[in-house]
Amino acid sequence: MPLGTHNLMIGLSDNQLEVIMRAAAPLSEENCQEFLERAAGAVSAILQMRGQINDDDIAVAVQLALGALIHNSAAWKIGTGIGPQRARAGRDLTCRPGPRNSENG
């Protein structure tokens, strides 16, 4: 199974489910599936550590899942100069510090 997910049933409140579904609604089918798998993985990790989840945990899981979609998108890779060749090779983008402002040290 992709992204290390298992057939785990996760109990969510109506509000928690609505948060996830609203975030997933505008996504393409492919991106929606990846988003749901990533969100479920994040929630599953929290459940394994603490044994329970709350609304804040769902919000964090949604942010992480959407952030991963953006990070893995072709537009982001092209815009950051990673390009398709490097992206396919699975190399991570390393952050380079910007120029230092001499006034701030």
Protein backbone atom coordinates (compact mmCIF):
# COMPACT_ATOMS: atom_id res chain seq x y z
CA MET A 1 0.00 0.00 0.00
CA PRO A 2 1.29 3.50 -0.76
CA LEU A 3 2.73 5.73 1.93
CA GLY A 4 2.80 2.96 4.50
CA THR A 5 -0.90 3.06 5.24
CA HIS A 6 -2.70 0.00 6.49
CA ASN A 7 -6.37 -0.91 6.56
CA LEU A 8 -6.86 0.89 9.86
CA MET A 9 -10.26 2.21 10.83
CA ILE A 10 -10.07 5.69 12.33
CA GLY A 11 -13.07 7.06 14.22
CA LEU A 12 -13.67 10.75 13.51
CA SER A 13 -16.32 13.16 14.72
CA ASP A 14 -18.62 14.76 12.16
CA ASN A 15 -16.67 18.02 12.51
CA GLN A 16 -13.31 16.29 11.99
CA LEU A 17 -14.60 14.46 8.93
CA GLU A 18 -15.97 17.72 7.52
CA VAL A 19 -12.57 19.42 7.89
CA ILE A 20 -10.92 16.64 5.90
CA MET A 21 -13.64 16.49 3.25
CA ARG A 22 -13.60 20.28 2.72
CA ALA A 23 -9.84 20.16 2.19
CA ALA A 24 -10.15 17.24 -0.22
CA ALA A 25 -13.11 18.57 -2.24
CA PRO A 26 -11.24 20.83 -4.71
CA LEU A 27 -8.49 18.28 -5.41
CA SER A 28 -8.25 16.13 -8.51
CA GLU A 29 -9.03 12.44 -8.00
CA GLU A 30 -5.33 11.50 -7.97
CA ASN A 31 -4.38 14.30 -5.58
CA CYS A 32 -7.41 13.59 -3.41
CA GLN A 33 -6.35 9.98 -2.95
CA GLU A 34 -2.79 11.01 -2.06
CA PHE A 35 -4.09 13.68 0.32
CA LEU A 36 -6.40 11.24 2.11
CA GLU A 37 -3.64 8.65 2.45
CA ARG A 38 -1.22 11.23 3.86
CA ALA A 39 -3.81 12.66 6.26
CA ALA A 40 -4.72 9.15 7.43
CA GLY A 41 -1.04 8.36 7.95
CA ALA A 42 -0.56 11.46 10.11
CA VAL A 43 -3.69 10.71 12.16
CA SER A 44 -2.62 7.08 12.54
CA ALA A 45 0.79 8.13 13.86
CA ILE A 46 -0.86 10.39 16.45
CA LEU A 47 -3.22 7.60 17.49
CA GLN A 48 -0.32 5.20 17.95
CA MET A 49 1.55 7.71 20.12
CA ARG A 50 -1.30 9.08 22.24
CA GLY A 51 -4.20 6.71 21.74
CA GLN A 52 -6.60 9.55 20.85
CA ILE A 53 -6.99 12.48 18.46
CA ASN A 54 -8.62 15.87 18.72
CA ASP A 55 -9.68 18.62 16.31
CA ASP A 56 -6.24 20.26 16.43
CA ASP A 57 -4.63 16.96 15.41
CA ILE A 58 -6.93 16.78 12.38
CA ALA A 59 -6.03 20.34 11.41
CA VAL A 60 -2.32 19.51 11.61
CA ALA A 61 -2.81 16.30 9.60
CA VAL A 62 -4.65 18.28 6.88
CA GLN A 63 -1.89 20.91 6.77
CA LEU A 64 0.81 18.25 6.52
CA ALA A 65 -1.03 16.37 3.79
CA LEU A 66 -1.70 19.50 1.73
CA GLY A 67 1.89 20.67 2.23
CA ALA A 68 3.17 17.35 0.92
CA LEU A 69 0.97 17.67 -2.17
CA ILE A 70 2.33 21.13 -2.86
CA HIS A 71 5.90 20.02 -2.25
CA ASN A 72 5.49 17.07 -4.61
CA SER A 73 3.67 18.98 -7.35
CA ALA A 74 5.27 19.40 -10.76
CA ALA A 75 4.65 23.15 -10.68
CA TRP A 76 6.53 23.48 -7.39
CA LYS A 77 9.44 21.41 -8.67
CA ILE A 78 9.73 23.47 -11.84
CA GLY A 79 9.30 26.76 -9.95
CA THR A 80 12.07 25.87 -7.51
CA GLY A 81 14.47 24.65 -10.17
CA ILE A 82 14.37 21.01 -9.16
CA GLY A 83 13.13 20.03 -12.61
CA PRO A 84 11.75 16.67 -13.71
CA GLN A 85 15.12 14.88 -13.90
CA ARG A 86 16.10 15.70 -10.34
CA ALA A 87 12.57 15.18 -9.04
CA ARG A 88 12.43 11.68 -10.52
CA ALA A 89 15.77 10.88 -8.93
CA GLY A 90 14.15 11.61 -5.56
CA ARG A 91 16.69 14.18 -4.45
CA ASP A 92 15.61 16.62 -1.79
CA LEU A 93 15.82 20.34 -2.24
CA THR A 94 18.32 21.79 0.19
CA CYS A 95 17.75 25.25 1.57
CA ARG A 96 20.46 27.77 0.99
CA PRO A 97 20.71 30.78 3.28
CA GLY A 98 20.00 34.11 1.67
CA PRO A 99 22.39 37.03 1.75
CA ARG A 100 22.96 38.36 5.23
CA ASN A 101 21.94 41.86 6.03
CA SER A 102 24.99 43.61 7.49
CA GLU A 103 22.77 45.73 9.73
CA ASN A 104 21.28 42.65 11.41
CA GLY A 105 24.57 40.83 11.88
